[in-house]
């Protein structure tokens, strides 16, 4: 019997699958740890993937 396979998701072209990064600000907290900011990819909204492309529709 044939198996139905869901359409694969594609890796986001803007972040290459690394949707969240941590950036150091250069300052330190009183305990000595670094202050950081998290930045997410605006294209995929932090998922790392984009929806699979829709198949082309042909009209006969």
PDB file of N, CA and C in Angstrom:
ATOM      1  N   UNK A   1       0.845  -1.177   0.000  1.00  0.00           N
ATOM      2  CA  UNK A   1       0.000   0.000   0.000  1.00  0.00           C
ATOM      3  C   UNK A   1       0.889   1.240   0.000  1.00  0.00           C
ATOM      4  N   UNK A   2       0.469   2.247  -0.742  1.00  0.00           N
ATOM      5  CA  UNK A   2       1.264   3.468  -0.762  1.00  0.00           C
ATOM      6  C   UNK A   2       1.154   4.219   0.570  1.00  0.00           C
ATOM      7  N   UNK A   3       2.240   4.841   0.941  1.00  0.00           N
ATOM      8  CA  UNK A   3       2.250   5.642   2.157  1.00  0.00           C
ATOM      9  C   UNK A   3       2.179   7.116   1.777  1.00  0.00           C
ATOM     10  N   UNK A   4       1.364   7.840   2.489  1.00  0.00           N
ATOM     11  CA  UNK A   4       1.265   9.272   2.242  1.00  0.00           C
ATOM     12  C   UNK A   4       2.350   9.976   3.050  1.00  0.00           C
ATOM     13  N   UNK A   5       3.147  10.732   2.372  1.00  0.00           N
ATOM     14  CA  UNK A   5       4.235  11.442   3.015  1.00  0.00           C
ATOM     15  C   UNK A   5       3.905  12.921   3.027  1.00  0.00           C
ATOM     16  N   UNK A   6       4.009  13.577   4.184  1.00  0.00           N
ATOM     17  CA  UNK A   6       3.750  15.017   4.194  1.00  0.00           C
ATOM     18  C   UNK A   6       4.818  15.761   3.390  1.00  0.00           C
ATOM     19  N   UNK A   7       4.434  16.881   2.846  1.00  0.00           N
ATOM     20  CA  UNK A   7       5.377  17.681   2.062  1.00  0.00           C
ATOM     21  C   UNK A   7       6.514  18.146   2.964  1.00  0.00           C
ATOM     22  N   UNK A   8       7.743  18.002   2.511  1.00  0.00           N
ATOM     23  CA  UNK A   8       8.874  18.412   3.355  1.00  0.00           C
ATOM     24  C   UNK A   8       8.945  19.932   3.466  1.00  0.00           C
ATOM     25  N   UNK A   9       9.395  20.385   4.602  1.00  0.00           N
ATOM     26  CA  UNK A   9       9.602  21.810   4.772  1.00  0.00           C
ATOM     27  C   UNK A   9      11.015  22.153   4.319  1.00  0.00           C
ATOM     28  N   UNK A  10      11.187  23.338   3.842  1.00  0.00           N
ATOM     29  CA  UNK A  10      12.490  23.759   3.354  1.00  0.00           C
ATOM     30  C   UNK A  10      13.184  24.609   4.410  1.00  0.00           C
ATOM     31  N   UNK A  11      14.493  24.565   4.403  1.00  0.00           N
ATOM     32  CA  UNK A  11      15.269  25.399   5.314  1.00  0.00           C
ATOM     33  C   UNK A  11      15.126  26.849   4.868  1.00  0.00           C
ATOM     34  N   UNK A  12      14.970  27.726   5.833  1.00  0.00           N
ATOM     35  CA  UNK A  12      14.808  29.155   5.548  1.00  0.00           C
ATOM     36  C   UNK A  12      16.034  29.675   4.793  1.00  0.00           C
ATOM     37  N   UNK A  13      15.841  30.355   3.663  1.00  0.00           N
ATOM     38  CA  UNK A  13      16.977  30.843   2.891  1.00  0.00           C
ATOM     39  C   UNK A  13      17.706  32.014   3.546  1.00  0.00           C
ATOM     40  N   UNK A  14      17.056  32.706   4.468  1.00  0.00           N
ATOM     41  CA  UNK A  14      17.693  33.867   5.088  1.00  0.00           C
ATOM     42  C   UNK A  14      18.591  33.492   6.263  1.00  0.00           C
ATOM     43  N   UNK A  15      18.175  32.500   7.053  1.00  0.00           N
ATOM     44  CA  UNK A  15      18.975  32.158   8.239  1.00  0.00           C
ATOM     45  C   UNK A  15      19.671  30.804   8.112  1.00  0.00           C
ATOM     46  N   UNK A  16      19.437  30.087   7.023  1.00  0.00           N
ATOM     47  CA  UNK A  16      20.050  28.775   6.783  1.00  0.00           C
ATOM     48  C   UNK A  16      19.797  27.776   7.905  1.00  0.00           C
ATOM     49  N   UNK A  17      18.626  27.869   8.543  1.00  0.00           N
ATOM     50  CA  UNK A  17      18.259  26.910   9.577  1.00  0.00           C
ATOM     51  C   UNK A  17      18.747  27.270  10.970  1.00  0.00           C
ATOM     52  N   UNK A  18      19.367  28.429  11.142  1.00  0.00           N
ATOM     53  CA  UNK A  18      19.784  28.898  12.465  1.00  0.00           C
ATOM     54  C   UNK A  18      18.934  30.122  12.804  1.00  0.00           C
ATOM     55  N   UNK A  19      17.689  29.920  13.267  1.00  0.00           N
ATOM     56  CA  UNK A  19      16.728  31.005  13.388  1.00  0.00           C
ATOM     57  C   UNK A  19      16.911  31.923  14.593  1.00  0.00           C
ATOM     58  N   UNK A  20      17.585  31.466  15.639  1.00  0.00           N
ATOM     59  CA  UNK A  20      17.763  32.293  16.830  1.00  0.00           C
ATOM     60  C   UNK A  20      19.254  32.377  17.146  1.00  0.00           C
ATOM     61  N   UNK A  21      19.748  33.572  17.309  1.00  0.00           N
ATOM     62  CA  UNK A  21      21.144  33.774  17.659  1.00  0.00           C
ATOM     63  C   UNK A  21      21.219  34.621  18.916  1.00  0.00           C
ATOM     64  N   UNK A  22      22.305  34.455  19.651  1.00  0.00           N
ATOM     65  CA  UNK A  22      22.539  35.240  20.848  1.00  0.00           C
ATOM     66  C   UNK A  22      23.721  36.162  20.589  1.00  0.00           C
ATOM     67  N   UNK A  23      23.518  37.432  20.867  1.00  0.00           N
ATOM     68  CA  UNK A  23      24.534  38.448  20.609  1.00  0.00           C
ATOM     69  C   UNK A  23      24.973  39.029  21.947  1.00  0.00           C
ATOM     70  N   UNK A  24      26.276  39.096  22.153  1.00  0.00           N
ATOM     71  CA  UNK A  24      26.768  39.713  23.384  1.00  0.00           C
ATOM     72  C   UNK A  24      26.775  41.231  23.202  1.00  0.00           C
ATOM     73  N   UNK A  25      26.452  41.930  24.273  1.00  0.00           N
ATOM     74  CA  UNK A  25      26.396  43.389  24.207  1.00  0.00           C
ATOM     75  C   UNK A  25      27.710  44.037  24.597  1.00  0.00           C
ATOM     76  N   UNK A  26      28.634  43.261  25.142  1.00  0.00           N
ATOM     77  CA  UNK A  26      29.915  43.805  25.551  1.00  0.00           C
ATOM     78  C   UNK A  26      29.963  44.187  27.020  1.00  0.00           C
ATOM     79  N   UNK A  27      28.809  44.187  27.671  1.00  0.00           N
ATOM     80  CA  UNK A  27      28.789  44.512  29.102  1.00  0.00           C
ATOM     81  C   UNK A  27      28.670  43.227  29.914  1.00  0.00           C
ATOM     82  N   UNK A  28      28.924  43.353  31.193  1.00  0.00           N
ATOM     83  CA  UNK A  28      28.833  42.196  32.086  1.00  0.00           C
ATOM     84  C   UNK A  28      27.894  42.497  33.240  1.00  0.00           C
ATOM     85  N   UNK A  29      27.274  41.442  33.750  1.00  0.00           N
ATOM     86  CA  UNK A  29      26.432  41.543  34.937  1.00  0.00           C
ATOM     87  C   UNK A  29      27.336  41.590  36.165  1.00  0.00           C
ATOM     88  N   UNK A  30      26.799  41.977  37.336  1.00  0.00           N
ATOM     89  CA  UNK A  30      27.622  42.032  38.543  1.00  0.00           C
ATOM     90  C   UNK A  30      28.278  40.697  38.900  1.00  0.00           C
ATOM     91  N   UNK A  31      27.663  39.576  38.498  1.00  0.00           N
ATOM     92  CA  UNK A  31      28.258  38.273  38.817  1.00  0.00           C
ATOM     93  C   UNK A  31      29.345  37.859  37.818  1.00  0.00           C
ATOM     94  N   UNK A  32      29.605  38.674  36.801  1.00  0.00           N
ATOM     95  CA  UNK A  32      30.653  38.381  35.831  1.00  0.00           C
ATOM     96  C   UNK A  32      30.166  37.779  34.531  1.00  0.00           C
ATOM     97  N   UNK A  33      28.910  37.360  34.475  1.00  0.00           N
ATOM     98  CA  UNK A  33      28.397  36.788  33.225  1.00  0.00           C
ATOM     99  C   UNK A  33      28.128  37.909  32.221  1.00  0.00           C
ATOM    100  N   UNK A  34      28.097  37.553  30.963  1.00  0.00           N
ATOM    101  CA  UNK A  34      27.901  38.554  29.909  1.00  0.00           C
ATOM    102  C   UNK A  34      26.419  38.841  29.694  1.00  0.00           C
ATOM    103  N   UNK A  35      26.131  40.090  29.362  1.00  0.00           N
ATOM    104  CA  UNK A  35      24.775  40.475  29.006  1.00  0.00           C
ATOM    105  C   UNK A  35      24.568  40.136  27.533  1.00  0.00           C
ATOM    106  N   UNK A  36      23.473  39.454  27.204  1.00  0.00           N
ATOM    107  CA  UNK A  36      23.230  39.027  25.828  1.00  0.00           C
ATOM    108  C   UNK A  36      21.829  39.420  25.374  1.00  0.00           C
ATOM    109  N   UNK A  37      21.647  39.448  24.070  1.00  0.00           N
ATOM    110  CA  UNK A  37      20.351  39.678  23.442  1.00  0.00           C
ATOM    111  C   UNK A  37      20.071  38.524  22.496  1.00  0.00           C
ATOM    112  N   UNK A  38      18.801  38.125  22.384  1.00  0.00           N
ATOM    113  CA  UNK A  38      18.434  37.096  21.411  1.00  0.00           C
ATOM    114  C   UNK A  38      17.783  37.765  20.210  1.00  0.00           C
ATOM    115  N   UNK A  39      18.185  37.341  19.023  1.00  0.00           N
ATOM    116  CA  UNK A  39      17.619  37.856  17.784  1.00  0.00           C
ATOM    117  C   UNK A  39      17.050  36.689  16.993  1.00  0.00           C
ATOM    118  N   UNK A  40      15.817  36.840  16.502  1.00  0.00           N
ATOM    119  CA  UNK A  40      15.186  35.784  15.702  1.00  0.00           C
ATOM    120  C   UNK A  40      15.083  36.239  14.251  1.00  0.00           C
ATOM    121  N   UNK A  41      15.071  35.281  13.363  1.00  0.00           N
ATOM    122  CA  UNK A  41      14.976  35.552  11.931  1.00  0.00           C
ATOM    123  C   UNK A  41      13.600  36.148  11.620  1.00  0.00           C
ATOM    124  N   UNK A  42      13.541  37.301  10.952  1.00  0.00           N
ATOM    125  CA  UNK A  42      12.244  37.901  10.641  1.00  0.00           C
ATOM    126  C   UNK A  42      11.474  37.160   9.537  1.00  0.00           C
ATOM    127  N   UNK A  43      12.168  36.384   8.734  1.00  0.00           N
ATOM    128  CA  UNK A  43      11.496  35.682   7.642  1.00  0.00           C
ATOM    129  C   UNK A  43      10.717  34.471   8.139  1.00  0.00           C
ATOM    130  N   UNK A  44      11.376  33.630   8.946  1.00  0.00           N
ATOM    131  CA  UNK A  44      10.723  32.391   9.407  1.00  0.00           C
ATOM    132  C   UNK A  44      10.180  32.502  10.833  1.00  0.00           C
ATOM    133  N   UNK A  45      10.370  33.640  11.461  1.00  0.00           N
ATOM    134  CA  UNK A  45       9.875  33.900  12.820  1.00  0.00           C
ATOM    135  C   UNK A  45      10.421  32.906  13.832  1.00  0.00           C
ATOM    136  N   UNK A  46      11.667  32.508  13.665  1.00  0.00           N
ATOM    137  CA  UNK A  46      12.321  31.652  14.637  1.00  0.00           C
ATOM    138  C   UNK A  46      12.077  30.168  14.489  1.00  0.00           C
ATOM    139  N   UNK A  47      11.516  29.711  13.372  1.00  0.00           N
ATOM    140  CA  UNK A  47      11.283  28.281  13.180  1.00  0.00           C
ATOM    141  C   UNK A  47      12.410  27.606  12.409  1.00  0.00           C
ATOM    142  N   UNK A  48      13.109  28.338  11.557  1.00  0.00           N
ATOM    143  CA  UNK A  48      14.199  27.776  10.766  1.00  0.00           C
ATOM    144  C   UNK A  48      13.754  27.128   9.472  1.00  0.00           C
ATOM    145  N   UNK A  49      12.446  27.074   9.247  1.00  0.00           N
ATOM    146  CA  UNK A  49      11.938  26.463   8.020  1.00  0.00           C
ATOM    147  C   UNK A  49      10.927  27.384   7.353  1.00  0.00           C
ATOM    148  N   UNK A  50      10.698  27.139   6.081  1.00  0.00           N
ATOM    149  CA  UNK A  50       9.659  27.837   5.336  1.00  0.00           C
ATOM    150  C   UNK A  50       8.719  26.780   4.766  1.00  0.00           C
ATOM    151  N   UNK A  51       7.483  27.131   4.492  1.00  0.00           N
ATOM    152  CA  UNK A  51       6.556  26.138   3.931  1.00  0.00           C
ATOM    153  C   UNK A  51       7.048  25.615   2.593  1.00  0.00           C
ATOM    154  N   UNK A  52       6.707  24.377   2.308  1.00  0.00           N
ATOM    155  CA  UNK A  52       7.076  23.784   1.020  1.00  0.00           C
ATOM    156  C   UNK A  52       6.372  24.540  -0.098  1.00  0.00           C
ATOM    157  N   UNK A  53       7.027  24.696  -1.233  1.00  0.00           N
ATOM    158  CA  UNK A  53       6.396  25.424  -2.335  1.00  0.00           C
ATOM    159  C   UNK A  53       5.182  24.667  -2.856  1.00  0.00           C
ATOM    160  N   UNK A  54       4.198  25.410  -3.273  1.00  0.00           N
ATOM    161  CA  UNK A  54       2.996  24.787  -3.833  1.00  0.00           C
ATOM    162  C   UNK A  54       3.300  24.284  -5.239  1.00  0.00           C
ATOM    163  N   UNK A  55       2.701  23.180  -5.613  1.00  0.00           N
ATOM    164  CA  UNK A  55       2.929  22.687  -6.980  1.00  0.00           C
ATOM    165  C   UNK A  55       2.319  23.658  -8.002  1.00  0.00           C
ATOM    166  N   UNK A  56       2.944  23.741  -9.149  1.00  0.00           N
ATOM    167  CA  UNK A  56       2.452  24.623 -10.194  1.00  0.00           C
ATOM    168  C   UNK A  56       1.118  24.096 -10.709  1.00  0.00           C
ATOM    169  N   UNK A  57       0.199  25.018 -10.922  1.00  0.00           N
ATOM    170  CA  UNK A  57      -1.125  24.648 -11.430  1.00  0.00           C
ATOM    171  C   UNK A  57      -1.108  24.816 -12.942  1.00  0.00           C
ATOM    172  N   UNK A  58      -1.471  23.770 -13.634  1.00  0.00           N
ATOM    173  CA  UNK A  58      -1.534  23.852 -15.092  1.00  0.00           C
ATOM    174  C   UNK A  58      -2.994  23.780 -15.507  1.00  0.00           C
ATOM    175  N   UNK A  59      -3.365  24.641 -16.408  1.00  0.00           N
ATOM    176  CA  UNK A  59      -4.729  24.664 -16.928  1.00  0.00           C
ATOM    177  C   UNK A  59      -4.730  24.037 -18.304  1.00  0.00           C
ATOM    178  N   UNK A  60      -5.691  23.176 -18.526  1.00  0.00           N
ATOM    179  CA  UNK A  60      -5.761  22.477 -19.804  1.00  0.00           C
ATOM    180  C   UNK A  60      -6.782  23.109 -20.693  1.00  0.00           C
TER     181      UNK A  60
END
